[in-house]
Amino acid sequence: MQLVSYLFFKDNAAEAFDFYARCLGGRIAMKVTMGDMSGDAAPPATRHLIAHVRLQVGDAVLMGSDWCNPDSGPYPGIHGNAVSLSVDQPEQAERVFAALSEGGQVTMPMTETDWALRFGMLTDRHGAMWMVNCNRPG
């Protein structure tokens, strides 16, 4: 079993996932637009929206899409959760944290804690909250 975070965006999932691929050193393994899925049946204004995207970073996966379903109401934003990212080296934690926080807001600067060599929290430029963690050995 694998737990996978799935993020919804308001019309900018493609931009967000390209940003995450650069920050995390991953690759977009799949990207399907509303136009790919529905063809001419999709309204022209929505054909570019992302119906599903999958980012592969090593063995880890992050998925998402644009908020495309008008029957589900207006886009609610990203609230009440964070993507938790664990890395092996403090330097890697610092690098990833700096990259993800570019254009975003740091909510807890990267620091040493009781459980981690490095830990920090941020909201990225696309509104997703992140916790970057480099655990203590043992």
Protein backbone atom coordinates (compact mmCIF):
# COMPACT_ATOMS: atom_id res chain seq x y z
CA MET A 1 0.00 0.00 0.00
CA GLN A 2 1.16 3.52 -0.74
CA LEU A 3 -0.41 6.74 0.57
CA VAL A 4 -0.30 9.51 -2.02
CA SER A 5 -1.07 13.20 -1.56
CA TYR A 6 -3.41 14.67 -4.18
CA LEU A 7 -3.55 18.44 -4.59
CA PHE A 8 -6.26 20.49 -6.34
CA PHE A 9 -5.46 23.85 -7.92
CA LYS A 10 -7.44 26.69 -9.43
CA ASP A 11 -6.38 26.66 -13.07
CA ASN A 12 -2.62 26.36 -12.43
CA ALA A 13 -1.90 22.67 -11.75
CA ALA A 14 0.42 22.42 -14.79
CA GLU A 15 2.51 25.37 -13.57
CA ALA A 16 2.54 24.04 -9.99
CA PHE A 17 3.65 20.54 -10.97
CA ASP A 18 6.37 21.85 -13.31
CA PHE A 19 7.61 23.91 -10.33
CA TYR A 20 7.54 20.84 -8.03
CA ALA A 21 9.42 18.75 -10.60
CA ARG A 22 12.19 21.39 -10.72
CA CYS A 23 12.31 21.83 -6.92
CA LEU A 24 12.29 18.12 -6.10
CA GLY A 25 14.29 16.77 -9.03
CA GLY A 26 11.37 14.66 -10.22
CA ARG A 27 9.67 14.07 -13.53
CA ILE A 28 6.10 14.43 -14.75
CA ALA A 29 5.15 10.79 -15.37
CA MET A 30 1.64 11.59 -16.64
CA LYS A 31 -0.30 14.72 -17.56
CA VAL A 32 -3.84 14.58 -18.95
CA THR A 33 -5.78 17.73 -19.86
CA MET A 34 -9.54 18.09 -20.02
CA GLY A 35 -9.12 18.36 -23.80
CA ASP A 36 -7.19 15.07 -23.90
CA MET A 37 -9.92 13.38 -21.91
CA SER A 38 -13.03 14.91 -23.46
CA GLY A 39 -11.79 16.22 -26.80
CA ASP A 40 -14.22 18.60 -28.43
CA ALA A 41 -16.82 17.80 -25.75
CA ALA A 42 -14.83 19.88 -23.25
CA PRO A 43 -15.69 23.59 -23.35
CA PRO A 44 -12.89 25.47 -25.14
CA ALA A 45 -12.15 27.51 -22.00
CA THR A 46 -11.38 24.34 -20.00
CA ARG A 47 -9.49 22.18 -22.51
CA HIS A 48 -6.09 23.31 -21.16
CA LEU A 49 -6.98 22.47 -17.53
CA ILE A 50 -5.30 19.48 -15.94
CA ALA A 51 -7.62 16.53 -15.32
CA HIS A 52 -4.80 14.49 -13.76
CA VAL A 53 -1.05 14.87 -13.25
CA ARG A 54 1.44 12.52 -11.60
CA LEU A 55 4.90 13.59 -10.42
CA GLN A 56 7.43 10.83 -9.81
CA VAL A 57 10.30 11.59 -7.40
CA GLY A 58 12.30 8.41 -6.89
CA ASP A 59 9.81 5.93 -5.42
CA ALA A 60 7.51 8.72 -4.20
CA VAL A 61 4.48 10.08 -6.04
CA LEU A 62 2.55 13.35 -5.83
CA MET A 63 -0.66 13.71 -7.83
CA GLY A 64 -3.08 16.51 -8.56
CA SER A 65 -5.37 18.33 -10.94
CA ASP A 66 -7.17 21.57 -11.56
CA TRP A 67 -10.55 22.00 -9.88
CA CYS A 68 -12.54 21.01 -13.00
CA ASN A 69 -15.91 19.84 -11.70
CA PRO A 70 -18.48 22.66 -11.58
CA ASP A 71 -20.93 20.29 -9.84
CA SER A 72 -18.58 20.28 -6.83
CA GLY A 73 -18.93 24.02 -6.29
CA PRO A 74 -16.30 26.74 -6.42
CA TYR A 75 -12.63 26.01 -5.82
CA PRO A 76 -12.22 25.72 -2.04
CA GLY A 77 -8.47 26.38 -1.90
CA ILE A 78 -5.92 24.15 -0.19
CA HIS A 79 -6.66 24.04 3.55
CA GLY A 80 -6.06 21.82 6.56
CA ASN A 81 -3.24 19.67 5.22
CA ALA A 82 0.41 19.73 4.23
CA VAL A 83 2.66 17.64 2.04
CA SER A 84 5.31 16.17 4.36
CA LEU A 85 8.63 15.60 2.66
CA SER A 86 11.40 13.59 4.34
CA VAL A 87 14.98 13.73 3.08
CA ASP A 88 18.18 11.97 4.15
CA GLN A 89 20.65 14.85 4.47
CA PRO A 90 20.36 18.27 6.19
CA GLU A 91 21.84 19.95 3.08
CA GLN A 92 19.13 18.39 0.93
CA ALA A 93 16.47 19.65 3.36
CA GLU A 94 17.90 23.18 3.13
CA ARG A 95 18.06 23.07 -0.69
CA VAL A 96 14.53 21.73 -1.18
CA PHE A 97 13.10 24.11 1.44
CA ALA A 98 14.71 27.11 -0.26
CA ALA A 99 13.45 26.02 -3.69
CA LEU A 100 9.87 25.37 -2.55
CA SER A 101 9.68 28.61 -0.57
CA GLU A 102 10.74 30.79 -3.53
CA GLY A 103 7.81 33.13 -4.09
CA GLY A 104 5.91 31.56 -1.18
CA GLN A 105 5.74 32.17 2.56
CA VAL A 106 7.91 30.52 5.21
CA THR A 107 5.71 29.70 8.22
CA MET A 108 8.47 28.03 10.28
CA PRO A 109 12.08 28.64 9.25
CA MET A 110 14.32 25.62 8.79
CA THR A 111 15.76 24.68 12.19
CA GLU A 112 16.92 21.79 14.36
CA THR A 113 14.21 20.18 16.51
CA ASP A 114 13.97 17.35 19.04
CA TRP A 115 12.99 14.92 16.25
CA ALA A 116 14.85 16.34 13.27
CA LEU A 117 18.26 17.57 12.22
CA ARG A 118 16.35 20.03 10.04
CA PHE A 119 12.65 20.87 9.94
CA GLY A 120 10.72 23.74 8.37
CA MET A 121 7.25 24.62 7.13
CA LEU A 122 6.10 26.81 4.24
CA THR A 123 3.25 27.64 1.94
CA ASP A 124 4.48 27.62 -1.65
CA ARG A 125 3.61 30.15 -4.35
CA HIS A 126 0.72 27.93 -5.47
CA GLY A 127 -0.91 27.74 -2.02
CA ALA A 128 0.20 24.23 -0.99
CA MET A 129 1.60 23.79 2.52
CA TRP A 130 4.83 21.78 2.93
CA MET A 131 6.74 20.32 5.88
CA VAL A 132 10.37 19.52 5.02
CA ASN A 133 12.01 17.12 7.45
CA CYS A 134 15.43 15.50 7.86
CA ASN A 135 14.98 13.00 10.71
CA ARG A 136 17.59 12.34 13.37
CA PRO A 137 19.28 8.95 12.99
CA GLY A 138 17.95 6.12 15.12
